N, C-alpha and C. Protein backbone atom coordinates (compact mmCIF):
# COMPACT_ATOMS: atom_id res chain seq x y z
N MET A 1 179.73 126.97 75.63
CA MET A 1 180.12 126.42 77.09
C MET A 1 179.61 127.25 78.13
N ARG A 2 179.97 126.28 79.44
CA ARG A 2 178.84 126.80 80.37
C ARG A 2 180.27 127.80 81.53
N PRO A 3 179.71 128.67 81.95
CA PRO A 3 180.66 129.37 83.10
C PRO A 3 181.04 128.73 84.19
N LYS A 4 182.43 129.67 84.41
CA LYS A 4 183.00 128.85 85.64
C LYS A 4 182.65 129.21 86.74
N ARG A 5 182.71 128.19 87.55
CA ARG A 5 182.05 128.25 89.00
C ARG A 5 183.06 128.87 90.08
N HIS A 6 182.29 129.20 90.72
CA HIS A 6 183.45 129.54 92.11
C HIS A 6 184.29 128.70 92.43
N PRO A 7 185.34 128.78 92.87
CA PRO A 7 186.05 127.83 93.35
C PRO A 7 185.82 126.97 94.19
N ILE A 8 185.12 127.28 95.43
CA ILE A 8 184.35 127.19 96.90
C ILE A 8 183.40 126.07 96.31
N VAL A 9 182.74 126.62 95.03
CA VAL A 9 181.00 125.49 94.56
C VAL A 9 182.31 124.38 94.36
N ARG A 10 183.01 124.42 93.26
CA ARG A 10 183.59 123.69 92.97
C ARG A 10 184.34 122.67 93.47
N ILE A 11 184.74 122.70 94.23
CA ILE A 11 185.28 121.59 95.10
C ILE A 11 184.28 121.38 96.55
N THR A 12 183.36 121.98 96.74
CA THR A 12 182.11 121.31 97.56
C THR A 12 181.50 120.20 96.75
N LEU A 13 180.81 120.84 95.37
CA LEU A 13 180.24 119.80 94.49
C LEU A 13 181.12 118.49 94.27
N LEU A 14 182.44 118.33 94.33
CA LEU A 14 183.48 117.54 93.83
C LEU A 14 183.29 116.49 95.44
N VAL A 15 183.65 116.95 96.49
CA VAL A 15 183.54 116.31 97.77
C VAL A 15 182.19 115.60 97.82
N THR A 16 181.54 116.44 97.71
CA THR A 16 179.72 115.87 97.55
C THR A 16 180.12 114.52 97.02
N GLY A 17 180.36 114.51 95.46
CA GLY A 17 180.28 113.78 94.90
C GLY A 17 181.41 112.41 94.76
N ILE A 18 182.04 112.81 95.60
CA ILE A 18 183.22 111.80 96.13
C ILE A 18 182.23 111.10 97.43
N LEU A 19 181.99 111.96 98.39
CA LEU A 19 181.13 110.92 99.11
C LEU A 19 179.88 109.98 98.82
N LEU A 20 179.15 111.12 97.75
CA LEU A 20 178.43 110.01 97.25
C LEU A 20 178.82 108.67 96.67
N PHE A 21 179.25 108.71 96.02
CA PHE A 21 179.95 107.57 95.02
C PHE A 21 180.74 106.84 96.10
N LEU A 22 181.82 107.08 97.41
CA LEU A 22 182.63 106.24 98.12
C LEU A 22 181.51 105.58 99.28
N VAL A 23 180.93 106.73 99.83
CA VAL A 23 180.25 106.48 101.20
C VAL A 23 178.49 106.30 100.96
N VAL A 24 178.01 106.40 100.44
CA VAL A 24 176.75 106.39 100.53
C VAL A 24 176.13 105.53 99.35
N ALA A 25 176.85 105.16 98.39
CA ALA A 25 176.28 104.43 97.32
C ALA A 25 176.52 102.68 97.56
N PRO A 26 177.58 102.66 98.84
CA PRO A 26 177.52 101.27 99.11
C PRO A 26 176.79 101.33 100.51
N LEU A 27 176.40 102.25 100.96
CA LEU A 27 175.58 101.52 101.88
C LEU A 27 174.06 101.49 101.44
N ALA A 28 173.54 102.09 100.33
CA ALA A 28 172.61 102.02 99.90
C ALA A 28 172.34 101.01 98.95
N SER A 29 173.33 100.61 98.61
CA SER A 29 173.11 99.66 97.58
C SER A 29 172.56 97.95 98.31
N PRO A 30 172.42 97.51 99.38
CA PRO A 30 171.98 96.53 100.08
C PRO A 30 170.40 96.71 100.03
N LEU A 31 170.03 97.84 99.86
CA LEU A 31 168.55 98.48 100.07
C LEU A 31 167.83 98.05 98.78
N PRO A 32 166.47 97.35 98.53
CA PRO A 32 165.85 96.97 97.21
C PRO A 32 165.46 98.15 96.78
N GLY A 33 165.79 98.02 95.44
CA GLY A 33 166.11 98.70 94.30
C GLY A 33 167.05 99.41 94.10
N PRO A 34 167.11 99.94 92.63
CA PRO A 34 168.38 100.72 92.25
C PRO A 34 168.74 101.71 92.78
N GLY A 35 168.98 101.96 94.11
CA GLY A 35 169.08 103.21 94.93
C GLY A 35 170.62 103.19 94.57
N GLY A 36 171.35 102.49 95.04
CA GLY A 36 172.95 102.26 95.46
C GLY A 36 173.54 103.06 93.70
N THR A 37 172.68 102.61 92.40
CA THR A 37 173.31 102.82 91.10
C THR A 37 173.48 104.07 90.90
N VAL A 38 172.03 104.68 90.88
CA VAL A 38 171.55 106.03 90.88
C VAL A 38 172.46 106.93 91.56
N ILE A 39 172.51 106.44 93.08
CA ILE A 39 173.56 107.28 93.84
C ILE A 39 175.09 107.46 93.20
N ALA A 40 175.33 105.96 92.83
CA ALA A 40 176.68 106.49 92.51
C ALA A 40 177.18 106.76 90.99
N ALA A 41 176.01 106.64 90.09
CA ALA A 41 176.10 107.93 88.73
C ALA A 41 176.09 108.86 89.12
N LEU A 42 175.42 109.20 89.71
CA LEU A 42 175.33 110.89 90.29
C LEU A 42 176.70 111.33 91.26
N GLY A 43 177.19 110.82 91.61
CA GLY A 43 178.34 111.15 92.20
C GLY A 43 179.47 110.87 91.43
N ILE A 44 179.40 110.10 90.45
CA ILE A 44 180.19 110.12 89.10
C ILE A 44 180.25 111.42 88.38
N VAL A 45 178.93 111.65 88.09
CA VAL A 45 178.94 112.87 87.59
C VAL A 45 179.28 114.34 87.78
N LEU A 46 179.02 114.26 89.61
CA LEU A 46 179.57 115.62 90.11
C LEU A 46 181.04 115.23 90.08
N ILE A 47 181.95 114.23 89.91
CA ILE A 47 183.60 114.61 89.82
C ILE A 47 183.64 114.65 88.47
N LEU A 48 183.37 113.89 88.03
CA LEU A 48 183.67 114.37 86.35
C LEU A 48 183.79 116.01 85.84
N ARG A 49 182.53 116.54 86.49
CA ARG A 49 182.22 117.77 85.97
C ARG A 49 182.66 119.07 86.87
N ASN A 50 183.20 118.20 87.84
CA ASN A 50 184.15 119.34 88.25
C ASN A 50 185.81 118.79 88.82
N SER A 51 186.35 117.86 88.59
CA SER A 51 187.78 117.51 88.74
C SER A 51 188.57 117.27 87.12
N ARG A 52 189.08 118.07 87.00
CA ARG A 52 190.00 117.80 85.74
C ARG A 52 190.76 116.60 85.43
N TRP A 53 191.21 116.01 86.54
CA TRP A 53 192.39 115.15 86.83
C TRP A 53 191.18 113.95 86.63
N ALA A 54 190.19 114.14 86.95
CA ALA A 54 188.98 112.80 86.84
C ALA A 54 189.14 112.67 85.57
N ARG A 55 188.15 113.54 84.76
CA ARG A 55 187.74 113.78 83.43
C ARG A 55 188.87 113.53 82.41
N HIS A 56 190.34 113.70 82.83
CA HIS A 56 191.55 113.25 82.26
C HIS A 56 191.66 111.92 82.42
N ARG A 57 191.49 111.28 83.27
CA ARG A 57 191.57 109.76 83.37
C ARG A 57 190.13 108.96 83.08
N PHE A 58 189.14 109.76 82.95
CA PHE A 58 188.02 109.35 81.99
C PHE A 58 188.46 108.96 80.69
N VAL A 59 189.00 110.33 80.16
CA VAL A 59 189.01 110.14 78.68
C VAL A 59 190.48 108.93 78.51
N ARG A 60 191.09 109.21 79.26
CA ARG A 60 192.31 107.31 78.77
C ARG A 60 191.82 106.55 79.06
N LEU A 61 190.67 106.22 79.96
CA LEU A 61 190.10 104.67 79.99
C LEU A 61 189.15 104.23 78.53
N LYS A 62 188.96 105.58 78.20
CA LYS A 62 187.54 105.62 77.24
C LYS A 62 188.42 105.07 75.75
N ALA A 63 189.71 105.61 75.86
CA ALA A 63 190.60 105.31 74.66
C ALA A 63 190.80 103.94 74.54
N ARG A 64 191.43 103.57 76.01
CA ARG A 64 191.54 102.39 76.48
C ARG A 64 190.98 101.30 76.03
N TRP A 65 189.67 101.57 76.76
CA TRP A 65 188.73 100.43 76.69
C TRP A 65 187.41 101.39 75.83
N PRO A 66 187.16 101.44 74.46
CA PRO A 66 186.49 101.94 74.05
C PRO A 66 184.41 101.31 74.24
N ARG A 67 184.70 100.24 74.20
CA ARG A 67 183.34 99.55 74.65
C ARG A 67 182.86 99.97 76.01
N VAL A 68 183.73 99.95 77.18
CA VAL A 68 183.72 100.26 78.54
C VAL A 68 183.09 101.86 78.71
N GLY A 69 183.98 102.62 77.99
CA GLY A 69 183.82 104.11 77.65
C GLY A 69 182.42 104.10 77.22
N ALA A 70 181.77 103.77 75.98
CA ALA A 70 181.18 103.97 75.09
C ALA A 70 180.06 103.36 76.44
N PHE A 71 179.65 102.68 76.95
CA PHE A 71 179.02 102.06 78.31
C PHE A 71 178.33 103.08 79.28
N ILE A 72 179.49 103.60 79.65
CA ILE A 72 179.57 104.50 80.89
C ILE A 72 179.13 105.84 80.03
N ASP A 73 179.32 106.12 79.09
CA ASP A 73 178.45 107.33 78.29
C ASP A 73 176.54 107.23 77.75
N ARG A 74 176.71 105.85 77.96
CA ARG A 74 175.20 105.95 77.88
C ARG A 74 174.46 105.81 79.32
N ILE A 75 175.18 105.25 80.19
CA ILE A 75 174.47 105.33 81.34
C ILE A 75 174.50 106.62 82.05
N LEU A 76 175.59 107.45 81.56
CA LEU A 76 175.73 108.80 82.23
C LEU A 76 175.08 109.87 81.53
N VAL A 77 174.39 109.13 80.08
CA VAL A 77 173.91 110.42 79.41
C VAL A 77 174.64 111.89 78.97
N ARG A 78 175.97 111.03 78.48
CA ARG A 78 176.64 112.69 78.45
C ARG A 78 176.17 113.00 77.18
N GLY A 79 176.54 114.46 76.99
CA GLY A 79 176.43 115.06 75.65
C GLY A 79 176.80 114.84 74.57
N SER A 80 178.36 114.76 74.89
CA SER A 80 179.37 114.53 73.71
C SER A 80 179.46 113.23 73.08
N PRO A 81 179.00 112.04 73.32
CA PRO A 81 178.61 111.20 72.58
C PRO A 81 177.68 111.42 71.56
N LYS A 82 176.54 111.39 71.95
CA LYS A 82 175.30 112.06 71.30
C LYS A 82 175.73 112.66 69.96
N ARG A 83 176.56 113.77 70.25
CA ARG A 83 177.06 114.52 68.99
C ARG A 83 177.74 113.81 68.25
N ARG A 84 178.93 113.24 68.67
CA ARG A 84 179.83 112.58 67.97
C ARG A 84 178.59 111.54 67.17
N ARG A 85 177.84 110.66 67.67
CA ARG A 85 176.91 109.97 66.85
C ARG A 85 176.12 110.78 65.99
N GLU A 86 175.64 111.48 66.18
CA GLU A 86 174.74 112.54 65.11
C GLU A 86 175.62 113.08 63.79
N ARG A 87 177.06 113.31 64.50
CA ARG A 87 177.94 113.41 63.37
C ARG A 87 178.09 111.92 62.41
N ALA A 88 178.80 111.12 63.06
CA ALA A 88 178.93 110.17 62.03
C ALA A 88 177.88 109.63 61.16
N LYS A 89 176.05 109.74 61.83
CA LYS A 89 175.15 109.58 60.86
C LYS A 89 175.03 110.19 59.33
N GLN A 90 175.28 111.65 59.89
CA GLN A 90 175.38 112.74 58.64
C GLN A 90 176.73 112.29 57.75
N VAL A 91 177.48 111.91 58.47
CA VAL A 91 179.09 111.88 57.04
C VAL A 91 178.54 110.55 56.91
N ALA A 92 177.88 109.32 57.12
CA ALA A 92 177.37 108.42 56.32
C ALA A 92 176.71 108.71 55.37
N ALA A 93 175.74 109.16 56.10
CA ALA A 93 174.22 109.42 55.10
C ALA A 93 174.93 110.42 53.50
N ASN A 94 175.62 110.99 53.84
CA ASN A 94 176.47 112.00 52.39
C ASN A 94 177.23 111.18 51.63
């Protein structure tokens, strides 16, 4: 388990994620290359890591639309789905 961050650091990271996702990514998306997508993904990662409300909404989205949730997990390279897939493989092998 990771240590708790200071509230000011957490809020700063959350605001940075929101700005990246809502302001910078749309401005960078017309430029050549995948810059807007990468910036949007980084913003989403910062938001999910620093907002309990956003994590709760993300879990509800994954429960309602599992295929979308699995796709987002693959894009964000989250650790929990990797562990879940490994556990499923181990159970299937036994």
